[in-house]
Amino acid sequence: MFGLQIINEMENFQRELDQLFRAGHSASVARRGVRFETKDQGENYLVRAALPGLDVAKLDISILGRRLSVSGEFVNPELPENAVWQRRERHSGAFEQQLLLGADLDSDKVEAEYRNGILEIKLPKAAAALPRKIAIKAV
């Protein structure tokens, strides 16, 4: 029984590898995801993502509590009639990525900027999430 289970697992693994190699370089952004860089800067978080070639009109950012959601779509240009791709490595397709940050955010003060293919989002922490000094009474 144990030997059969191992064989089934190996067959499943082989199928997954075959699918991965069949997809090759054309793997969609949805499967591979967008890579984010997040920094805690004390009073705010700074989030960056490399999104080269993205049309800002197809980008959406939303916040709920501590959760940042970024979604969009990469669209490859259409080929002229009778043209054939020789090599195609640019991402295409829709993506959605969610990041759970360590503190609630002040969604009214969030700033986002897209420049030279880099999305940068400054996310101020909610006042309740910031440390505050407690006065000590001397008695």
N, C-alpha and C. Protein backbone atom coordinates (compact mmCIF):
# COMPACT_ATOMS: atom_id res chain seq x y z
N MET A 1 0.82 -1.19 0.00
CA MET A 1 0.00 0.00 0.00
C MET A 1 0.87 1.26 0.00
N PHE A 2 1.92 1.25 0.85
CA PHE A 2 2.81 2.40 0.94
C PHE A 2 3.54 2.63 -0.39
N GLY A 3 3.98 1.56 -1.04
CA GLY A 3 4.68 1.67 -2.32
C GLY A 3 3.81 2.26 -3.40
N LEU A 4 2.53 1.90 -3.43
CA LEU A 4 1.59 2.44 -4.42
C LEU A 4 1.39 3.94 -4.21
N GLN A 5 1.36 4.37 -2.96
CA GLN A 5 1.18 5.79 -2.65
C GLN A 5 2.37 6.60 -3.18
N ILE A 6 3.57 6.07 -3.00
CA ILE A 6 4.77 6.75 -3.50
C ILE A 6 4.72 6.86 -5.02
N ILE A 7 4.33 5.80 -5.69
CA ILE A 7 4.23 5.81 -7.16
C ILE A 7 3.22 6.85 -7.61
N ASN A 8 2.07 6.93 -6.96
CA ASN A 8 1.06 7.93 -7.31
C ASN A 8 1.59 9.35 -7.13
N GLU A 9 2.30 9.58 -6.03
CA GLU A 9 2.87 10.90 -5.77
C GLU A 9 3.90 11.25 -6.84
N MET A 10 4.72 10.28 -7.24
CA MET A 10 5.73 10.52 -8.27
C MET A 10 5.07 10.83 -9.61
N GLU A 11 4.00 10.13 -9.94
CA GLU A 11 3.28 10.39 -11.19
C GLU A 11 2.67 11.79 -11.17
N ASN A 12 2.09 12.20 -10.04
CA ASN A 12 1.54 13.55 -9.92
C ASN A 12 2.64 14.60 -10.09
N PHE A 13 3.78 14.36 -9.47
CA PHE A 13 4.91 15.28 -9.58
C PHE A 13 5.38 15.38 -11.04
N GLN A 14 5.47 14.25 -11.72
CA GLN A 14 5.89 14.23 -13.13
C GLN A 14 4.92 15.03 -14.00
N ARG A 15 3.61 14.86 -13.75
CA ARG A 15 2.60 15.61 -14.51
C ARG A 15 2.76 17.12 -14.31
N GLU A 16 3.00 17.52 -13.06
CA GLU A 16 3.18 18.94 -12.77
C GLU A 16 4.43 19.49 -13.45
N LEU A 17 5.51 18.70 -13.45
CA LEU A 17 6.73 19.13 -14.15
C LEU A 17 6.49 19.26 -15.65
N ASP A 18 5.79 18.30 -16.22
CA ASP A 18 5.47 18.35 -17.65
C ASP A 18 4.69 19.61 -17.99
N GLN A 19 3.70 19.94 -17.16
CA GLN A 19 2.90 21.15 -17.40
C GLN A 19 3.77 22.40 -17.31
N LEU A 20 4.67 22.42 -16.35
CA LEU A 20 5.55 23.57 -16.18
C LEU A 20 6.43 23.76 -17.41
N PHE A 21 7.04 22.69 -17.91
CA PHE A 21 7.93 22.81 -19.05
C PHE A 21 7.17 23.08 -20.35
N ARG A 22 5.94 22.58 -20.45
CA ARG A 22 5.13 22.89 -21.64
C ARG A 22 4.80 24.37 -21.69
N ALA A 23 4.59 24.99 -20.51
CA ALA A 23 4.26 26.41 -20.46
C ALA A 23 5.47 27.24 -20.88
N GLY A 24 6.68 26.77 -20.58
CA GLY A 24 7.90 27.46 -20.99
C GLY A 24 7.95 28.89 -20.51
N HIS A 25 8.48 29.76 -21.37
CA HIS A 25 8.63 31.17 -21.02
C HIS A 25 7.32 31.92 -21.10
N SER A 26 6.29 31.32 -21.61
CA SER A 26 5.03 32.04 -21.78
C SER A 26 4.14 31.96 -20.55
N ALA A 27 4.70 31.55 -19.42
CA ALA A 27 3.90 31.48 -18.19
C ALA A 27 3.29 32.84 -17.89
N SER A 28 2.03 32.84 -17.58
CA SER A 28 1.34 34.11 -17.37
C SER A 28 1.72 34.72 -16.03
N VAL A 29 1.48 36.01 -15.92
CA VAL A 29 1.74 36.72 -14.68
C VAL A 29 0.90 36.15 -13.56
N ALA A 30 -0.32 35.73 -13.87
CA ALA A 30 -1.22 35.20 -12.84
C ALA A 30 -0.60 33.98 -12.17
N ARG A 31 0.10 33.14 -12.93
CA ARG A 31 0.72 31.95 -12.34
C ARG A 31 2.01 32.29 -11.61
N ARG A 32 2.78 33.22 -12.17
CA ARG A 32 4.08 33.52 -11.58
C ARG A 32 4.01 34.60 -10.51
N GLY A 33 3.02 35.46 -10.57
CA GLY A 33 2.88 36.53 -9.59
C GLY A 33 3.82 37.69 -9.85
N VAL A 34 3.51 38.80 -9.23
CA VAL A 34 4.33 39.99 -9.31
C VAL A 34 5.14 40.05 -8.03
N ARG A 35 6.39 40.40 -8.13
CA ARG A 35 7.25 40.43 -6.95
C ARG A 35 7.21 41.83 -6.33
N PHE A 36 6.99 41.85 -5.02
CA PHE A 36 6.91 43.09 -4.28
C PHE A 36 8.08 43.20 -3.30
N GLU A 37 8.42 44.44 -3.00
CA GLU A 37 9.43 44.76 -2.01
C GLU A 37 8.73 45.65 -0.99
N THR A 38 8.77 45.29 0.29
CA THR A 38 8.06 46.04 1.33
C THR A 38 9.02 46.45 2.42
N LYS A 39 8.97 47.74 2.79
CA LYS A 39 9.81 48.26 3.88
C LYS A 39 8.92 48.89 4.94
N ASP A 40 9.24 48.62 6.20
CA ASP A 40 8.58 49.30 7.32
C ASP A 40 9.45 50.50 7.66
N GLN A 41 8.90 51.71 7.46
CA GLN A 41 9.67 52.92 7.70
C GLN A 41 9.20 53.64 8.98
N GLY A 42 8.67 52.91 9.91
CA GLY A 42 8.22 53.50 11.17
C GLY A 42 6.77 53.95 11.08
N GLU A 43 6.55 55.15 10.56
CA GLU A 43 5.19 55.69 10.48
C GLU A 43 4.44 55.22 9.23
N ASN A 44 5.16 54.61 8.30
CA ASN A 44 4.50 54.12 7.08
C ASN A 44 5.24 52.91 6.52
N TYR A 45 4.58 52.26 5.58
CA TYR A 45 5.19 51.19 4.80
C TYR A 45 5.46 51.74 3.41
N LEU A 46 6.53 51.26 2.79
CA LEU A 46 6.82 51.59 1.41
C LEU A 46 6.82 50.29 0.63
N VAL A 47 5.97 50.21 -0.38
CA VAL A 47 5.85 49.01 -1.20
C VAL A 47 6.25 49.36 -2.63
N ARG A 48 7.10 48.54 -3.23
CA ARG A 48 7.51 48.74 -4.63
C ARG A 48 7.31 47.45 -5.40
N ALA A 49 6.97 47.62 -6.68
CA ALA A 49 6.85 46.47 -7.58
C ALA A 49 7.32 46.88 -8.96
N ALA A 50 8.07 46.02 -9.61
CA ALA A 50 8.49 46.26 -10.99
C ALA A 50 7.39 45.77 -11.92
N LEU A 51 6.79 46.71 -12.66
CA LEU A 51 5.70 46.38 -13.58
C LEU A 51 5.97 47.03 -14.93
N PRO A 52 7.06 46.66 -15.60
CA PRO A 52 7.41 47.31 -16.86
C PRO A 52 6.37 47.06 -17.95
N GLY A 53 6.05 48.12 -18.68
CA GLY A 53 5.13 47.99 -19.80
C GLY A 53 3.67 47.98 -19.42
N LEU A 54 3.35 48.18 -18.16
CA LEU A 54 1.96 48.15 -17.71
C LEU A 54 1.28 49.48 -18.02
N ASP A 55 0.07 49.42 -18.55
CA ASP A 55 -0.75 50.61 -18.77
C ASP A 55 -1.39 50.96 -17.43
N VAL A 56 -1.12 52.16 -16.91
CA VAL A 56 -1.62 52.57 -15.60
C VAL A 56 -3.15 52.52 -15.56
N ALA A 57 -3.81 52.71 -16.68
CA ALA A 57 -5.27 52.65 -16.72
C ALA A 57 -5.77 51.24 -16.38
N LYS A 58 -4.92 50.24 -16.49
CA LYS A 58 -5.30 48.85 -16.19
C LYS A 58 -4.78 48.40 -14.83
N LEU A 59 -4.44 49.36 -13.97
CA LEU A 59 -3.90 49.08 -12.65
C LEU A 59 -4.91 49.51 -11.59
N ASP A 60 -5.10 48.68 -10.55
CA ASP A 60 -6.05 48.99 -9.48
C ASP A 60 -5.39 48.68 -8.14
N ILE A 61 -5.52 49.62 -7.20
CA ILE A 61 -4.97 49.45 -5.86
C ILE A 61 -6.10 49.68 -4.87
N SER A 62 -6.22 48.79 -3.87
CA SER A 62 -7.24 48.99 -2.83
C SER A 62 -6.68 48.53 -1.48
N ILE A 63 -7.30 49.06 -0.42
CA ILE A 63 -6.86 48.76 0.94
C ILE A 63 -8.07 48.42 1.79
N LEU A 64 -7.91 47.40 2.62
CA LEU A 64 -8.93 47.05 3.60
C LEU A 64 -8.20 46.63 4.88
N GLY A 65 -8.27 47.48 5.91
CA GLY A 65 -7.56 47.18 7.16
C GLY A 65 -6.07 47.14 6.95
N ARG A 66 -5.46 45.96 7.09
CA ARG A 66 -4.01 45.78 6.90
C ARG A 66 -3.68 45.18 5.53
N ARG A 67 -4.70 44.95 4.71
CA ARG A 67 -4.51 44.24 3.44
C ARG A 67 -4.44 45.22 2.26
N LEU A 68 -3.34 45.12 1.51
CA LEU A 68 -3.15 45.89 0.28
C LEU A 68 -3.39 44.95 -0.89
N SER A 69 -4.25 45.35 -1.81
CA SER A 69 -4.51 44.55 -3.02
C SER A 69 -4.08 45.35 -4.24
N VAL A 70 -3.30 44.72 -5.09
CA VAL A 70 -2.85 45.35 -6.34
C VAL A 70 -3.22 44.40 -7.47
N SER A 71 -3.95 44.91 -8.46
CA SER A 71 -4.31 44.08 -9.61
C SER A 71 -4.14 44.89 -10.88
N GLY A 72 -4.00 44.19 -11.97
CA GLY A 72 -3.81 44.86 -13.25
C GLY A 72 -3.74 43.84 -14.37
N GLU A 73 -3.39 44.34 -15.54
CA GLU A 73 -3.28 43.46 -16.69
C GLU A 73 -2.19 43.95 -17.63
N PHE A 74 -1.30 43.03 -17.99
CA PHE A 74 -0.29 43.30 -19.00
C PHE A 74 -0.86 42.88 -20.34
N VAL A 75 -0.79 43.78 -21.32
CA VAL A 75 -1.31 43.48 -22.65
C VAL A 75 -0.16 43.59 -23.64
N ASN A 76 0.10 42.50 -24.36
CA ASN A 76 1.14 42.53 -25.39
C ASN A 76 0.59 43.16 -26.66
N PRO A 77 1.43 43.88 -27.39
CA PRO A 77 0.96 44.48 -28.64
C PRO A 77 0.56 43.41 -29.65
N GLU A 78 -0.40 43.75 -30.49
CA GLU A 78 -0.84 42.83 -31.54
C GLU A 78 0.22 42.77 -32.64
N LEU A 79 0.39 41.59 -33.19
CA LEU A 79 1.31 41.43 -34.32
C LEU A 79 0.61 41.80 -35.62
N PRO A 80 1.35 42.39 -36.55
CA PRO A 80 0.76 42.63 -37.87
C PRO A 80 0.43 41.29 -38.53
N GLU A 81 -0.49 41.33 -39.48
CA GLU A 81 -0.88 40.11 -40.19
C GLU A 81 0.35 39.47 -40.84
N ASN A 82 0.43 38.16 -40.81
CA ASN A 82 1.52 37.35 -41.37
C ASN A 82 2.81 37.42 -40.55
N ALA A 83 2.80 38.10 -39.41
CA ALA A 83 3.99 38.15 -38.56
C ALA A 83 3.92 37.00 -37.55
N VAL A 84 5.09 36.51 -37.16
CA VAL A 84 5.18 35.41 -36.21
C VAL A 84 6.22 35.78 -35.14
N TRP A 85 5.89 35.50 -33.89
CA TRP A 85 6.84 35.77 -32.81
C TRP A 85 8.07 34.88 -33.00
N GLN A 86 9.27 35.44 -32.88
CA GLN A 86 10.50 34.67 -32.87
C GLN A 86 10.89 34.34 -31.43
N ARG A 87 10.63 35.28 -30.55
CA ARG A 87 10.90 35.09 -29.12
C ARG A 87 9.93 35.99 -28.37
N ARG A 88 9.38 35.48 -27.29
CA ARG A 88 8.38 36.26 -26.54
C ARG A 88 8.57 35.98 -25.05
N GLU A 89 9.12 36.95 -24.33
CA GLU A 89 9.39 36.78 -22.91
C GLU A 89 8.64 37.77 -22.03
N ARG A 90 7.95 38.73 -22.62
CA ARG A 90 7.21 39.70 -21.82
C ARG A 90 6.00 39.04 -21.18
N HIS A 91 5.69 39.50 -19.98
CA HIS A 91 4.51 39.00 -19.27
C HIS A 91 3.25 39.41 -20.01
N SER A 92 2.23 38.59 -19.90
CA SER A 92 0.92 38.97 -20.42
C SER A 92 -0.14 38.37 -19.52
N GLY A 93 -1.27 39.05 -19.47
CA GLY A 93 -2.38 38.55 -18.69
C GLY A 93 -2.64 39.35 -17.43
N ALA A 94 -3.71 38.98 -16.78
CA ALA A 94 -4.14 39.67 -15.56
C ALA A 94 -3.40 39.12 -14.35
N PHE A 95 -3.27 39.95 -13.33
CA PHE A 95 -2.67 39.51 -12.08
C PHE A 95 -3.40 40.18 -10.92
N GLU A 96 -3.33 39.56 -9.77
CA GLU A 96 -3.82 40.15 -8.53
C GLU A 96 -2.93 39.65 -7.41
N GLN A 97 -2.43 40.57 -6.63
CA GLN A 97 -1.54 40.22 -5.53
C GLN A 97 -2.04 40.93 -4.28
N GLN A 98 -2.01 40.22 -3.15
CA GLN A 98 -2.42 40.83 -1.89
C GLN A 98 -1.27 40.71 -0.89
N LEU A 99 -1.06 41.79 -0.16
CA LEU A 99 -0.04 41.81 0.88
C LEU A 99 -0.72 42.12 2.21
N LEU A 100 -0.40 41.35 3.22
CA LEU A 100 -0.93 41.60 4.56
C LEU A 100 0.18 42.26 5.35
N LEU A 101 -0.04 43.53 5.72
CA LEU A 101 0.98 44.30 6.42
C LEU A 101 0.78 44.17 7.93
N GLY A 102 1.76 44.61 8.71
CA GLY A 102 1.76 44.39 10.14
C GLY A 102 0.88 45.31 10.96
N ALA A 103 0.31 46.37 10.35
CA ALA A 103 -0.52 47.31 11.10
C ALA A 103 -1.62 47.84 10.19
N ASP A 104 -2.72 48.30 10.81
CA ASP A 104 -3.79 48.93 10.03
C ASP A 104 -3.25 50.18 9.34
N LEU A 105 -3.85 50.51 8.21
CA LEU A 105 -3.37 51.61 7.38
C LEU A 105 -4.35 52.77 7.39
N ASP A 106 -3.83 53.97 7.18
CA ASP A 106 -4.67 55.16 7.03
C ASP A 106 -4.94 55.32 5.54
N SER A 107 -6.02 54.73 5.06
CA SER A 107 -6.29 54.67 3.62
C SER A 107 -6.50 56.04 2.99
N ASP A 108 -6.86 57.06 3.78
CA ASP A 108 -7.06 58.40 3.22
C ASP A 108 -5.75 59.08 2.84
N LYS A 109 -4.64 58.60 3.36
CA LYS A 109 -3.35 59.25 3.12
C LYS A 109 -2.40 58.43 2.24
N VAL A 110 -2.89 57.36 1.66
CA VAL A 110 -2.05 56.52 0.81
C VAL A 110 -1.71 57.26 -0.48
N GLU A 111 -0.45 57.15 -0.90
CA GLU A 111 0.01 57.76 -2.15
C GLU A 111 0.61 56.68 -3.03
N ALA A 112 0.28 56.71 -4.32
CA ALA A 112 0.83 55.73 -5.27
C ALA A 112 1.37 56.48 -6.48
N GLU A 113 2.49 55.98 -6.98
CA GLU A 113 3.15 56.62 -8.12
C GLU A 113 3.71 55.52 -9.03
N TYR A 114 3.56 55.69 -10.33
CA TYR A 114 4.11 54.74 -11.30
C TYR A 114 5.06 55.51 -12.20
N ARG A 115 6.35 55.17 -12.13
CA ARG A 115 7.34 55.89 -12.91
C ARG A 115 8.40 54.92 -13.43
N ASN A 116 8.67 55.01 -14.72
CA ASN A 116 9.70 54.16 -15.34
C ASN A 116 9.51 52.68 -15.06
N GLY A 117 8.24 52.23 -15.05
CA GLY A 117 7.95 50.82 -14.87
C GLY A 117 7.93 50.34 -13.42
N ILE A 118 8.11 51.26 -12.47
CA ILE A 118 8.12 50.90 -11.05
C ILE A 118 6.90 51.52 -10.37
N LEU A 119 6.12 50.69 -9.70
CA LEU A 119 5.00 51.16 -8.89
C LEU A 119 5.51 51.33 -7.47
N GLU A 120 5.28 52.52 -6.91
CA GLU A 120 5.69 52.79 -5.54
C GLU A 120 4.47 53.27 -4.77
N ILE A 121 4.20 52.62 -3.63
CA ILE A 121 3.03 52.94 -2.82
C ILE A 121 3.51 53.27 -1.41
N LYS A 122 3.15 54.47 -0.94
CA LYS A 122 3.46 54.88 0.43
C LYS A 122 2.18 54.72 1.25
N LEU A 123 2.24 53.87 2.28
CA LEU A 123 1.07 53.50 3.07
C LEU A 123 1.26 53.93 4.53
N PRO A 124 0.73 55.09 4.90
CA PRO A 124 0.84 55.51 6.31
C PRO A 124 0.07 54.58 7.23
N LYS A 125 0.65 54.31 8.38
CA LYS A 125 -0.03 53.48 9.37
C LYS A 125 -1.13 54.30 10.04
N ALA A 126 -2.20 53.65 10.43
CA ALA A 126 -3.29 54.32 11.15
C ALA A 126 -2.74 54.82 12.49
N ALA A 127 -3.26 55.95 12.96
CA ALA A 127 -2.78 56.55 14.21
C ALA A 127 -2.83 55.55 15.37
N ALA A 128 -3.86 54.73 15.42
CA ALA A 128 -3.99 53.74 16.50
C ALA A 128 -2.87 52.70 16.46
N ALA A 129 -2.23 52.53 15.31
CA ALA A 129 -1.18 51.51 15.17
C ALA A 129 0.20 52.05 15.54
N LEU A 130 0.32 53.38 15.66
CA LEU A 130 1.62 53.98 15.96
C LEU A 130 1.87 53.97 17.47
N PRO A 131 3.13 53.82 17.87
CA PRO A 131 3.43 53.87 19.30
C PRO A 131 3.20 55.29 19.82
N ARG A 132 2.76 55.38 21.04
CA ARG A 132 2.59 56.71 21.63
C ARG A 132 3.22 56.71 23.01
N LYS A 133 3.70 57.87 23.39
CA LYS A 133 4.37 58.01 24.68
C LYS A 133 3.32 58.17 25.76
N ILE A 134 3.52 57.48 26.85
CA ILE A 134 2.60 57.54 27.98
C ILE A 134 3.26 58.39 29.08
N ALA A 135 2.54 59.42 29.51
CA ALA A 135 3.05 60.28 30.58
C ALA A 135 2.96 59.54 31.91
N ILE A 136 3.98 59.70 32.72
CA ILE A 136 4.02 59.06 34.03
C ILE A 136 3.84 60.13 35.09
N LYS A 137 2.88 59.94 35.97
CA LYS A 137 2.62 60.89 37.06
C LYS A 137 3.49 60.54 38.25
N ALA A 138 4.15 61.55 38.76
CA ALA A 138 4.95 61.35 39.98
C ALA A 138 4.04 61.60 41.18
N VAL A 139 4.00 60.69 42.13
CA VAL A 139 3.16 60.84 43.32
C VAL A 139 3.99 60.92 44.58
